[in-house]
Amino acid sequence: MPLVEERSDEIPQQSNPLEDDLPLAREAQRAVRVLNPAGEVTMPRPPRRRVIAVANQKGGVGKTTSAVNLAVALALHGNRVMVIDLDPQGNASTGLGVEHGAGTPSVYEALVDAMPLEEIEQRVDGIPSLHCIPATIDLAGAEVELVNVVAREARLEKIIAAYGGEVDYILIDCPPSLGLLTVNALVAAEEVLIPIQCEYYALEGLGQLLRNIELVKAHLNSRLRVSTILLTMYDKRTKLADQVEKEVRGHFSEIVLDSVVPRSVRVSEAPGYGQSIMTYDPGSRGATSYFEAAEEIAHRGAKLSSRRSVQKNEKGRN
């Protein structure tokens, strides 16, 4: 046998840069980055629990989709996360694949009967650090039942305060309205995340939402602030999307995330399989966008906390 053939298996195999740059290779790299199979803590945990209301009274702006996918992204990268589904439609519960049929203990029992969250929470399959408080159709009547209850606006705040589980983030998916359920979310939260669709009517009603947030801040929850705006359903082929993005960034500047979520059929398909886009198609652009948005939220929160601790220390010295 020729000498070359005898030593052929000793010749180091060099990677082909063209093969590494193939679309499938890039997609696989994105999937590994999103799923984090090693389970490393790649997104910093906040020093204390962050309660974030995901709100926009306009429907169809990607509010529930954003709440679900941001929660999954944070949980996959080392954070302990709870999603509270406060929408009677129960779409967040569907997207996380948890049971929310009639008779299931849900956020309704927590609000109306003061049932502890520990008795209601469900673990999301495949993601041990992610829990969900589901919503059932019973929640549709909660606003009427709470009308005569004392301190009805603070029911959710008290329930969350009594929760003894270890959790880094609580994301509250609000209904597309400015009723009592949304007010409960705003009283319970310290931060508001507003998803804005990159279309003509996106900014309609936003002024009313901001006014309501200011009213809640003035009368019910002085800690509340709009911390994050996420641009969703971005279609780079249209000038309109670019104009909306420029207008939002010009008006709200630093609180707008750099990451923009593109319009994607895959993102829309995922809930039909009881999954988030992060697990349904982790190599997709939609999954990457939500991963990067979650990363920004985690790092911005860590920076803000360190800045506050520095300011507190400086006040103590003075």
C-alpha atoms as a PDB file:
ATOM      1  CA  MET A   1       0.000   0.000   0.000  1.00  0.00           C
ATOM      2  CA  PRO A   2       1.438   3.440  -0.868  1.00  0.00           C
ATOM      3  CA  LEU A   3       2.895   5.491   1.953  1.00  0.00           C
ATOM      4  CA  VAL A   4       0.542   8.403   1.299  1.00  0.00           C
ATOM      5  CA  GLU A   5      -2.493   6.227   1.894  1.00  0.00           C
ATOM      6  CA  GLU A   6      -1.022   4.775   5.104  1.00  0.00           C
ATOM      7  CA  ARG A   7      -0.625   8.278   6.584  1.00  0.00           C
ATOM      8  CA  SER A   8      -3.796   9.816   5.138  1.00  0.00           C
ATOM      9  CA  ASP A   9      -5.679   9.572   8.459  1.00  0.00           C
ATOM     10  CA  GLU A  10      -2.923  11.542  10.187  1.00  0.00           C
ATOM     11  CA  ILE A  11      -3.385  14.610   8.002  1.00  0.00           C
ATOM     12  CA  PRO A  12      -5.319  17.208  10.027  1.00  0.00           C
ATOM     13  CA  GLN A  13      -8.708  18.063   8.593  1.00  0.00           C
ATOM     14  CA  GLN A  14      -9.006  21.788   7.990  1.00  0.00           C
ATOM     15  CA  SER A  15     -12.423  23.405   8.185  1.00  0.00           C
ATOM     16  CA  ASN A  16     -13.685  24.945   5.018  1.00  0.00           C
ATOM     17  CA  PRO A  17     -14.577  28.594   5.682  1.00  0.00           C
ATOM     18  CA  LEU A  18     -17.148  28.425   2.905  1.00  0.00           C
ATOM     19  CA  GLU A  19     -18.907  25.501   4.623  1.00  0.00           C
ATOM     20  CA  ASP A  20     -18.908  27.319   7.976  1.00  0.00           C
ATOM     21  CA  ASP A  21     -20.620  30.247   6.311  1.00  0.00           C
ATOM     22  CA  LEU A  22     -23.467  28.208   4.841  1.00  0.00           C
ATOM     23  CA  PRO A  23     -26.996  29.276   5.898  1.00  0.00           C
ATOM     24  CA  LEU A  24     -27.573  25.969   7.712  1.00  0.00           C
ATOM     25  CA  ALA A  25     -24.329  26.333   9.644  1.00  0.00           C
ATOM     26  CA  ARG A  26     -25.227  29.885  10.667  1.00  0.00           C
ATOM     27  CA  GLU A  27     -28.699  28.760  11.720  1.00  0.00           C
ATOM     28  CA  ALA A  28     -27.228  25.937  13.815  1.00  0.00           C
ATOM     29  CA  GLN A  29     -24.867  28.397  15.515  1.00  0.00           C
ATOM     30  CA  ARG A  30     -27.797  30.689  16.314  1.00  0.00           C
ATOM     31  CA  ALA A  31     -29.789  27.752  17.713  1.00  0.00           C
ATOM     32  CA  VAL A  32     -26.981  26.724  20.061  1.00  0.00           C
ATOM     33  CA  ARG A  33     -26.589  30.317  21.204  1.00  0.00           C
ATOM     34  CA  VAL A  34     -30.324  30.654  21.901  1.00  0.00           C
ATOM     35  CA  LEU A  35     -30.886  27.271  23.585  1.00  0.00           C
ATOM     36  CA  ASN A  36     -27.720  27.419  25.721  1.00  0.00           C
ATOM     37  CA  PRO A  37     -27.496  23.608  26.134  1.00  0.00           C
ATOM     38  CA  ALA A  38     -24.682  23.959  28.678  1.00  0.00           C
ATOM     39  CA  GLY A  39     -27.076  25.791  31.005  1.00  0.00           C
ATOM     40  CA  GLU A  40     -24.611  28.576  31.725  1.00  0.00           C
ATOM     41  CA  VAL A  41     -25.721  31.840  33.349  1.00  0.00           C
ATOM     42  CA  THR A  42     -25.089  34.088  30.365  1.00  0.00           C
ATOM     43  CA  MET A  43     -27.613  36.759  31.350  1.00  0.00           C
ATOM     44  CA  PRO A  44     -26.875  38.371  34.732  1.00  0.00           C
ATOM     45  CA  ARG A  45     -29.385  37.797  37.487  1.00  0.00           C
ATOM     46  CA  PRO A  46     -30.800  40.960  39.049  1.00  0.00           C
ATOM     47  CA  PRO A  47     -29.849  41.630  42.701  1.00  0.00           C
ATOM     48  CA  ARG A  48     -33.546  41.569  43.572  1.00  0.00           C
ATOM     49  CA  ARG A  49     -36.780  40.437  41.961  1.00  0.00           C
ATOM     50  CA  ARG A  50     -37.884  42.451  38.923  1.00  0.00           C
ATOM     51  CA  VAL A  51     -41.643  42.664  38.338  1.00  0.00           C
ATOM     52  CA  ILE A  52     -42.417  43.819  34.793  1.00  0.00           C
ATOM     53  CA  ALA A  53     -45.869  44.479  33.338  1.00  0.00           C
ATOM     54  CA  VAL A  54     -46.011  43.885  29.572  1.00  0.00           C
ATOM     55  CA  ALA A  55     -48.746  46.278  28.515  1.00  0.00           C
ATOM     56  CA  ASN A  56     -50.328  47.907  25.491  1.00  0.00           C
ATOM     57  CA  GLN A  57     -54.065  48.385  25.202  1.00  0.00           C
ATOM     58  CA  LYS A  58     -53.864  47.987  21.417  1.00  0.00           C
ATOM     59  CA  GLY A  59     -54.292  44.367  20.413  1.00  0.00           C
ATOM     60  CA  GLY A  60     -52.110  42.529  17.915  1.00  0.00           C
ATOM     61  CA  VAL A  61     -48.847  44.301  18.709  1.00  0.00           C
ATOM     62  CA  GLY A  62     -46.968  41.207  19.888  1.00  0.00           C
ATOM     63  CA  LYS A  63     -47.554  41.774  23.590  1.00  0.00           C
ATOM     64  CA  THR A  64     -48.180  38.162  24.625  1.00  0.00           C
ATOM     65  CA  THR A  65     -45.620  36.857  22.128  1.00  0.00           C
ATOM     66  CA  SER A  66     -43.032  39.188  23.629  1.00  0.00           C
ATOM     67  CA  ALA A  67     -43.877  38.265  27.222  1.00  0.00           C
ATOM     68  CA  VAL A  68     -43.611  34.531  26.469  1.00  0.00           C
ATOM     69  CA  ASN A  69     -40.425  34.647  24.405  1.00  0.00           C
ATOM     70  CA  LEU A  70     -38.572  37.051  26.686  1.00  0.00           C
ATOM     71  CA  ALA A  71     -39.476  34.843  29.656  1.00  0.00           C
ATOM     72  CA  VAL A  72     -38.193  31.714  27.907  1.00  0.00           C
ATOM     73  CA  ALA A  73     -34.995  33.449  26.788  1.00  0.00           C
ATOM     74  CA  LEU A  74     -34.234  34.670  30.319  1.00  0.00           C
ATOM     75  CA  ALA A  75     -34.992  31.239  31.793  1.00  0.00           C
ATOM     76  CA  LEU A  76     -32.797  29.402  29.278  1.00  0.00           C
ATOM     77  CA  HIS A  77     -29.868  31.615  30.226  1.00  0.00           C
ATOM     78  CA  GLY A  78     -29.743  31.211  33.983  1.00  0.00           C
ATOM     79  CA  ASN A  79     -32.640  33.242  35.392  1.00  0.00           C
ATOM     80  CA  ARG A  80     -35.626  32.036  37.416  1.00  0.00           C
ATOM     81  CA  VAL A  81     -38.752  33.393  35.756  1.00  0.00           C
ATOM     82  CA  MET A  82     -42.487  33.431  36.366  1.00  0.00           C
ATOM     83  CA  VAL A  83     -45.108  34.499  33.811  1.00  0.00           C
ATOM     84  CA  ILE A  84     -48.460  35.667  35.176  1.00  0.00           C
ATOM     85  CA  ASP A  85     -51.131  35.414  32.483  1.00  0.00           C
ATOM     86  CA  LEU A  86     -53.574  38.221  33.253  1.00  0.00           C
ATOM     87  CA  ASP A  87     -55.421  38.056  29.944  1.00  0.00           C
ATOM     88  CA  PRO A  88     -58.752  36.127  30.007  1.00  0.00           C
ATOM     89  CA  GLN A  89     -57.918  34.776  26.537  1.00  0.00           C
ATOM     90  CA  GLY A  90     -55.092  32.762  28.120  1.00  0.00           C
ATOM     91  CA  ASN A  91     -52.754  33.136  25.154  1.00  0.00           C
ATOM     92  CA  ALA A  92     -49.594  33.253  27.276  1.00  0.00           C
ATOM     93  CA  SER A  93     -50.666  29.990  28.941  1.00  0.00           C
ATOM     94  CA  THR A  94     -51.147  28.467  25.485  1.00  0.00           C
ATOM     95  CA  GLY A  95     -47.770  29.710  24.288  1.00  0.00           C
ATOM     96  CA  LEU A  96     -46.033  28.132  27.266  1.00  0.00           C
ATOM     97  CA  GLY A  97     -47.908  24.859  26.870  1.00  0.00           C
ATOM     98  CA  VAL A  98     -49.483  24.811  30.351  1.00  0.00           C
ATOM     99  CA  GLU A  99     -52.947  23.556  31.239  1.00  0.00           C
ATOM    100  CA  HIS A 100     -55.563  26.310  31.456  1.00  0.00           C
ATOM    101  CA  GLY A 101     -58.878  24.615  30.820  1.00  0.00           C
ATOM    102  CA  ALA A 102     -61.993  25.213  32.886  1.00  0.00           C
ATOM    103  CA  GLY A 103     -61.500  24.136  36.492  1.00  0.00           C
ATOM    104  CA  THR A 104     -57.718  24.615  36.467  1.00  0.00           C
ATOM    105  CA  PRO A 105     -56.483  26.683  39.449  1.00  0.00           C
ATOM    106  CA  SER A 106     -55.556  30.003  37.893  1.00  0.00           C
ATOM    107  CA  VAL A 107     -54.870  33.671  38.477  1.00  0.00           C
ATOM    108  CA  TYR A 108     -58.637  34.091  38.937  1.00  0.00           C
ATOM    109  CA  GLU A 109     -58.506  32.136  42.203  1.00  0.00           C
ATOM    110  CA  ALA A 110     -55.535  34.229  43.284  1.00  0.00           C
ATOM    111  CA  LEU A 111     -57.305  37.543  42.669  1.00  0.00           C
ATOM    112  CA  VAL A 112     -60.793  36.652  43.877  1.00  0.00           C
ATOM    113  CA  ASP A 113     -60.137  34.001  46.549  1.00  0.00           C
ATOM    114  CA  ALA A 114     -56.565  35.024  47.546  1.00  0.00           C
ATOM    115  CA  MET A 115     -55.240  31.547  46.730  1.00  0.00           C
ATOM    116  CA  PRO A 116     -51.415  31.515  47.125  1.00  0.00           C
ATOM    117  CA  LEU A 117     -49.414  31.487  43.892  1.00  0.00           C
ATOM    118  CA  GLU A 118     -47.523  28.414  45.142  1.00  0.00           C
ATOM    119  CA  GLU A 119     -50.777  26.415  44.761  1.00  0.00           C
ATOM    120  CA  ILE A 120     -51.392  27.674  41.236  1.00  0.00           C
ATOM    121  CA  GLU A 121     -48.025  27.853  39.490  1.00  0.00           C
ATOM    122  CA  GLN A 122     -47.193  25.291  36.838  1.00  0.00           C
ATOM    123  CA  ARG A 123     -43.720  24.377  35.636  1.00  0.00           C
ATOM    124  CA  VAL A 124     -43.139  24.776  31.903  1.00  0.00           C
ATOM    125  CA  ASP A 125     -42.072  21.489  30.294  1.00  0.00           C
ATOM    126  CA  GLY A 126     -38.399  21.351  29.403  1.00  0.00           C
ATOM    127  CA  ILE A 127     -37.505  24.594  31.211  1.00  0.00           C
ATOM    128  CA  PRO A 128     -37.229  23.896  34.978  1.00  0.00           C
ATOM    129  CA  SER A 129     -36.568  27.530  35.920  1.00  0.00           C
ATOM    130  CA  LEU A 130     -39.723  28.814  34.195  1.00  0.00           C
ATOM    131  CA  HIS A 131     -43.157  28.804  35.860  1.00  0.00           C
ATOM    132  CA  CYS A 132     -46.531  30.073  34.731  1.00  0.00           C
ATOM    133  CA  ILE A 133     -49.628  31.288  36.557  1.00  0.00           C
ATOM    134  CA  PRO A 134     -52.282  30.396  33.963  1.00  0.00           C
ATOM    135  CA  ALA A 135     -55.438  32.285  33.056  1.00  0.00           C
ATOM    136  CA  THR A 136     -58.786  30.596  32.447  1.00  0.00           C
ATOM    137  CA  ILE A 137     -62.021  31.937  31.022  1.00  0.00           C
ATOM    138  CA  ASP A 138     -63.171  32.612  34.616  1.00  0.00           C
ATOM    139  CA  LEU A 139     -60.892  35.647  34.622  1.00  0.00           C
ATOM    140  CA  ALA A 140     -63.330  37.429  32.274  1.00  0.00           C
ATOM    141  CA  GLY A 141     -65.671  37.964  35.241  1.00  0.00           C
ATOM    142  CA  ALA A 142     -63.022  38.987  37.736  1.00  0.00           C
ATOM    143  CA  GLU A 143     -63.325  42.728  37.103  1.00  0.00           C
ATOM    144  CA  VAL A 144     -67.046  42.643  37.958  1.00  0.00           C
ATOM    145  CA  GLU A 145     -66.485  40.504  41.071  1.00  0.00           C
ATOM    146  CA  LEU A 146     -63.739  42.808  42.359  1.00  0.00           C
ATOM    147  CA  VAL A 147     -65.733  46.027  41.996  1.00  0.00           C
ATOM    148  CA  ASN A 148     -66.863  46.131  45.645  1.00  0.00           C
ATOM    149  CA  VAL A 149     -63.679  44.666  47.123  1.00  0.00           C
ATOM    150  CA  VAL A 150     -61.575  46.952  49.322  1.00  0.00           C
ATOM    151  CA  ALA A 151     -58.222  47.895  47.731  1.00  0.00           C
ATOM    152  CA  ARG A 152     -59.205  45.993  44.595  1.00  0.00           C
ATOM    153  CA  GLU A 153     -56.379  47.654  42.613  1.00  0.00           C
ATOM    154  CA  ALA A 154     -53.747  46.103  44.897  1.00  0.00           C
ATOM    155  CA  ARG A 155     -54.925  42.464  44.926  1.00  0.00           C
ATOM    156  CA  LEU A 156     -52.177  41.229  42.613  1.00  0.00           C
ATOM    157  CA  GLU A 157     -49.494  43.239  44.427  1.00  0.00           C
ATOM    158  CA  LYS A 158     -50.360  41.551  47.748  1.00  0.00           C
ATOM    159  CA  ILE A 159     -50.397  38.100  46.183  1.00  0.00           C
ATOM    160  CA  ILE A 160     -46.969  38.618  44.588  1.00  0.00           C
ATOM    161  CA  ALA A 161     -45.547  40.050  47.819  1.00  0.00           C
ATOM    162  CA  ALA A 162     -46.698  36.906  49.662  1.00  0.00           C
ATOM    163  CA  TYR A 163     -45.058  34.571  47.146  1.00  0.00           C
ATOM    164  CA  GLY A 164     -42.141  32.807  48.817  1.00  0.00           C
ATOM    165  CA  GLY A 165     -40.549  31.149  45.799  1.00  0.00           C
ATOM    166  CA  GLU A 166     -37.149  32.188  44.500  1.00  0.00           C
ATOM    167  CA  VAL A 167     -37.640  34.101  41.275  1.00  0.00           C
ATOM    168  CA  ASP A 168     -35.598  36.731  39.448  1.00  0.00           C
ATOM    169  CA  TYR A 169     -38.249  37.987  37.013  1.00  0.00           C
ATOM    170  CA  ILE A 170     -42.027  38.138  37.112  1.00  0.00           C
ATOM    171  CA  LEU A 171     -43.505  39.078  33.737  1.00  0.00           C
ATOM    172  CA  ILE A 172     -47.192  40.017  33.798  1.00  0.00           C
ATOM    173  CA  ASP A 173     -48.992  39.656  30.469  1.00  0.00           C
ATOM    174  CA  CYS A 174     -51.743  42.301  30.580  1.00  0.00           C
ATOM    175  CA  PRO A 175     -55.019  42.183  28.631  1.00  0.00           C
ATOM    176  CA  PRO A 176     -55.396  44.567  25.652  1.00  0.00           C
ATOM    177  CA  SER A 177     -57.405  47.100  27.653  1.00  0.00           C
ATOM    178  CA  LEU A 178     -56.987  49.635  30.438  1.00  0.00           C
ATOM    179  CA  GLY A 179     -59.400  48.015  32.886  1.00  0.00           C
ATOM    180  CA  LEU A 180     -59.024  46.806  36.467  1.00  0.00           C
ATOM    181  CA  LEU A 181     -56.838  43.831  35.528  1.00  0.00           C
ATOM    182  CA  THR A 182     -54.285  46.083  33.834  1.00  0.00           C
ATOM    183  CA  VAL A 183     -54.413  48.501  36.775  1.00  0.00           C
ATOM    184  CA  ASN A 184     -53.659  45.559  39.093  1.00  0.00           C
ATOM    185  CA  ALA A 185     -50.627  44.719  36.975  1.00  0.00           C
ATOM    186  CA  LEU A 186     -49.388  48.331  37.035  1.00  0.00           C
ATOM    187  CA  VAL A 187     -49.790  48.536  40.818  1.00  0.00           C
ATOM    188  CA  ALA A 188     -47.929  45.250  41.303  1.00  0.00           C
ATOM    189  CA  ALA A 189     -45.071  46.060  38.923  1.00  0.00           C
ATOM    190  CA  GLU A 190     -42.077  48.354  39.196  1.00  0.00           C
ATOM    191  CA  GLU A 191     -41.449  48.414  35.459  1.00  0.00           C
ATOM    192  CA  VAL A 192     -43.546  48.554  32.308  1.00  0.00           C
ATOM    193  CA  LEU A 193     -42.452  47.027  29.013  1.00  0.00           C
ATOM    194  CA  ILE A 194     -44.390  48.344  26.017  1.00  0.00           C
ATOM    195  CA  PRO A 195     -44.262  46.409  22.729  1.00  0.00           C
ATOM    196  CA  ILE A 196     -44.904  48.718  19.758  1.00  0.00           C
ATOM    197  CA  GLN A 197     -45.775  47.395  16.329  1.00  0.00           C
ATOM    198  CA  CYS A 198     -43.893  49.057  13.468  1.00  0.00           C
ATOM    199  CA  GLU A 199     -47.026  50.135  11.612  1.00  0.00           C
ATOM    200  CA  TYR A 200     -49.079  53.284  11.072  1.00  0.00           C
ATOM    201  CA  TYR A 201     -51.511  52.845  13.956  1.00  0.00           C
ATOM    202  CA  ALA A 202     -48.792  51.751  16.384  1.00  0.00           C
ATOM    203  CA  LEU A 203     -48.595  55.044  18.263  1.00  0.00           C
ATOM    204  CA  GLU A 204     -52.365  55.486  18.467  1.00  0.00           C
ATOM    205  CA  GLY A 205     -53.479  55.040  22.045  1.00  0.00           C
ATOM    206  CA  LEU A 206     -49.924  55.045  23.344  1.00  0.00           C
ATOM    207  CA  GLY A 207     -50.462  58.513  24.798  1.00  0.00           C
ATOM    208  CA  GLN A 208     -53.488  57.254  26.742  1.00  0.00           C
ATOM    209  CA  LEU A 209     -51.485  54.305  28.081  1.00  0.00           C
ATOM    210  CA  LEU A 210     -48.695  56.631  29.220  1.00  0.00           C
ATOM    211  CA  ARG A 211     -51.228  58.933  30.908  1.00  0.00           C
ATOM    212  CA  ASN A 212     -52.740  55.987  32.753  1.00  0.00           C
ATOM    213  CA  ILE A 213     -49.290  54.863  33.861  1.00  0.00           C
ATOM    214  CA  GLU A 214     -48.651  58.358  35.220  1.00  0.00           C
ATOM    215  CA  LEU A 215     -51.993  58.292  37.069  1.00  0.00           C
ATOM    216  CA  VAL A 216     -51.141  54.948  38.656  1.00  0.00           C
ATOM    217  CA  LYS A 217     -47.706  56.280  39.563  1.00  0.00           C
ATOM    218  CA  ALA A 218     -49.168  59.405  41.146  1.00  0.00           C
ATOM    219  CA  HIS A 219     -51.925  57.730  43.170  1.00  0.00           C
ATOM    220  CA  LEU A 220     -51.200  54.013  43.602  1.00  0.00           C
ATOM    221  CA  ASN A 221     -47.581  53.058  42.857  1.00  0.00           C
ATOM    222  CA  SER A 222     -44.857  55.697  43.036  1.00  0.00           C
ATOM    223  CA  ARG A 223     -42.159  53.148  42.034  1.00  0.00           C
ATOM    224  CA  LEU A 224     -43.672  52.514  38.594  1.00  0.00           C
ATOM    225  CA  ARG A 225     -41.731  53.544  35.485  1.00  0.00           C
ATOM    226  CA  VAL A 226     -41.675  52.724  31.786  1.00  0.00           C
ATOM    227  CA  SER A 227     -38.325  50.961  31.559  1.00  0.00           C
ATOM    228  CA  THR A 228     -38.454  49.313  28.142  1.00  0.00           C
ATOM    229  CA  ILE A 229     -39.971  49.744  24.687  1.00  0.00           C
ATOM    230  CA  LEU A 230     -39.636  46.879  22.204  1.00  0.00           C
ATOM    231  CA  LEU A 231     -40.294  47.350  18.496  1.00  0.00           C
ATOM    232  CA  THR A 232     -42.097  44.338  17.018  1.00  0.00           C
ATOM    233  CA  MET A 233     -43.277  43.083  13.612  1.00  0.00           C
ATOM    234  CA  TYR A 234     -40.586  45.074  11.846  1.00  0.00           C
ATOM    235  CA  ASP A 235     -40.631  44.692   8.051  1.00  0.00           C
ATOM    236  CA  LYS A 236     -37.414  46.098   6.624  1.00  0.00           C
ATOM    237  CA  ARG A 237     -38.920  46.117   3.119  1.00  0.00           C
ATOM    238  CA  THR A 238     -41.230  49.022   3.978  1.00  0.00           C
ATOM    239  CA  LYS A 239     -40.361  52.674   4.490  1.00  0.00           C
ATOM    240  CA  LEU A 240     -43.178  52.898   7.040  1.00  0.00           C
ATOM    241  CA  ALA A 241     -41.450  50.532   9.462  1.00  0.00           C
ATOM    242  CA  ASP A 242     -38.295  52.615   9.234  1.00  0.00           C
ATOM    243  CA  GLN A 243     -40.269  55.826   9.860  1.00  0.00           C
ATOM    244  CA  VAL A 244     -42.046  54.359  12.903  1.00  0.00           C
ATOM    245  CA  GLU A 245     -38.726  53.152  14.312  1.00  0.00           C
ATOM    246  CA  LYS A 246     -37.122  56.581  13.882  1.00  0.00           C
ATOM    247  CA  GLU A 247     -40.104  58.321  15.473  1.00  0.00           C
ATOM    248  CA  VAL A 248     -40.171  55.978  18.487  1.00  0.00           C
ATOM    249  CA  ARG A 249     -36.401  56.175  19.016  1.00  0.00           C
ATOM    250  CA  GLY A 250     -36.465  59.955  18.643  1.00  0.00           C
ATOM    251  CA  HIS A 251     -39.223  60.333  21.230  1.00  0.00           C
ATOM    252  CA  PHE A 252     -38.253  57.671  23.795  1.00  0.00           C
ATOM    253  CA  SER A 253     -34.478  57.431  23.138  1.00  0.00           C
ATOM    254  CA  GLU A 254     -32.668  55.290  25.713  1.00  0.00           C
ATOM    255  CA  ILE A 255     -35.550  53.080  26.859  1.00  0.00           C
ATOM    256  CA  VAL A 256     -36.042  51.661  23.328  1.00  0.00           C
ATOM    257  CA  LEU A 257     -34.172  48.367  22.941  1.00  0.00           C
ATOM    258  CA  ASP A 258     -31.605  48.174  20.145  1.00  0.00           C
ATOM    259  CA  SER A 259     -33.009  44.761  19.214  1.00  0.00           C
ATOM    260  CA  VAL A 260     -35.984  44.820  16.854  1.00  0.00           C
ATOM    261  CA  VAL A 261     -38.283  41.819  16.352  1.00  0.00           C
ATOM    262  CA  PRO A 262     -38.943  41.137  12.655  1.00  0.00           C
ATOM    263  CA  ARG A 263     -42.279  40.111  11.200  1.00  0.00           C
ATOM    264  CA  SER A 264     -42.081  36.331  11.047  1.00  0.00           C
ATOM    265  CA  VAL A 265     -44.428  33.487  10.136  1.00  0.00           C
ATOM    266  CA  ARG A 266     -42.447  31.135  12.396  1.00  0.00           C
ATOM    267  CA  VAL A 267     -43.081  33.359  15.420  1.00  0.00           C
ATOM    268  CA  SER A 268     -46.813  33.215  14.676  1.00  0.00           C
ATOM    269  CA  GLU A 269     -46.774  29.429  14.218  1.00  0.00           C
ATOM    270  CA  ALA A 270     -45.077  28.562  17.511  1.00  0.00           C
ATOM    271  CA  PRO A 271     -48.079  29.062  19.899  1.00  0.00           C
ATOM    272  CA  GLY A 272     -50.076  26.577  17.831  1.00  0.00           C
ATOM    273  CA  TYR A 273     -47.628  23.923  19.015  1.00  0.00           C
ATOM    274  CA  GLY A 274     -47.707  25.122  22.635  1.00  0.00           C
ATOM    275  CA  GLN A 275     -44.191  26.511  22.321  1.00  0.00           C
ATOM    276  CA  SER A 276     -42.269  29.744  22.182  1.00  0.00           C
ATOM    277  CA  ILE A 277     -40.224  30.588  19.096  1.00  0.00           C
ATOM    278  CA  MET A 278     -37.141  29.969  21.269  1.00  0.00           C
ATOM    279  CA  THR A 279     -37.844  26.232  21.421  1.00  0.00           C
ATOM    280  CA  TYR A 280     -39.949  25.856  18.242  1.00  0.00           C
ATOM    281  CA  ASP A 281     -37.311  27.267  15.886  1.00  0.00           C
ATOM    282  CA  PRO A 282     -34.271  28.412  17.894  1.00  0.00           C
ATOM    283  CA  GLY A 283     -32.191  29.117  14.791  1.00  0.00           C
ATOM    284  CA  SER A 284     -34.697  31.571  13.315  1.00  0.00           C
ATOM    285  CA  ARG A 285     -34.297  35.329  13.148  1.00  0.00           C
ATOM    286  CA  GLY A 286     -37.298  35.736  15.459  1.00  0.00           C
ATOM    287  CA  ALA A 287     -35.683  33.602  18.174  1.00  0.00           C
ATOM    288  CA  THR A 288     -32.382  35.455  17.824  1.00  0.00           C
ATOM    289  CA  SER A 289     -34.143  38.815  18.086  1.00  0.00           C
ATOM    290  CA  TYR A 290     -35.980  37.873  21.287  1.00  0.00           C
ATOM    291  CA  PHE A 291     -32.776  36.389  22.713  1.00  0.00           C
ATOM    292  CA  GLU A 292     -30.926  39.667  22.055  1.00  0.00           C
ATOM    293  CA  ALA A 293     -33.822  41.687  23.507  1.00  0.00           C
ATOM    294  CA  ALA A 294     -33.780  39.579  26.697  1.00  0.00           C
ATOM    295  CA  GLU A 295     -30.013  39.981  26.896  1.00  0.00           C
ATOM    296  CA  GLU A 296     -30.402  43.764  26.703  1.00  0.00           C
ATOM    297  CA  ILE A 297     -33.080  43.766  29.408  1.00  0.00           C
ATOM    298  CA  ALA A 298     -30.872  41.680  31.719  1.00  0.00           C
ATOM    299  CA  HIS A 299     -27.734  43.769  31.194  1.00  0.00           C
ATOM    300  CA  ARG A 300     -29.569  47.107  31.441  1.00  0.00           C
ATOM    301  CA  GLY A 301     -31.135  45.987  34.709  1.00  0.00           C
ATOM    302  CA  ALA A 302     -27.740  44.970  36.083  1.00  0.00           C
ATOM    303  CA  LYS A 303     -26.214  48.335  35.116  1.00  0.00           C
ATOM    304  CA  LEU A 304     -29.097  50.264  36.682  1.00  0.00           C
ATOM    305  CA  SER A 305     -28.818  48.296  39.918  1.00  0.00           C
ATOM    306  CA  SER A 306     -25.065  48.894  40.180  1.00  0.00           C
ATOM    307  CA  ARG A 307     -25.585  52.601  39.483  1.00  0.00           C
ATOM    308  CA  ARG A 308     -28.209  52.816  42.239  1.00  0.00           C
ATOM    309  CA  SER A 309     -25.943  51.044  44.730  1.00  0.00           C
ATOM    310  CA  VAL A 310     -23.133  53.489  43.939  1.00  0.00           C
ATOM    311  CA  GLN A 311     -25.489  56.440  44.469  1.00  0.00           C
ATOM    312  CA  LYS A 312     -26.694  54.931  47.753  1.00  0.00           C
ATOM    313  CA  ASN A 313     -23.113  54.483  48.959  1.00  0.00           C
ATOM    314  CA  GLU A 314     -22.269  58.073  48.037  1.00  0.00           C
ATOM    315  CA  LYS A 315     -25.274  59.355  49.992  1.00  0.00           C
ATOM    316  CA  GLY A 316     -24.154  57.281  52.980  1.00  0.00           C
ATOM    317  CA  ARG A 317     -20.696  58.848  52.900  1.00  0.00           C
ATOM    318  CA  ASN A 318     -22.137  62.351  52.776  1.00  0.00           C
END
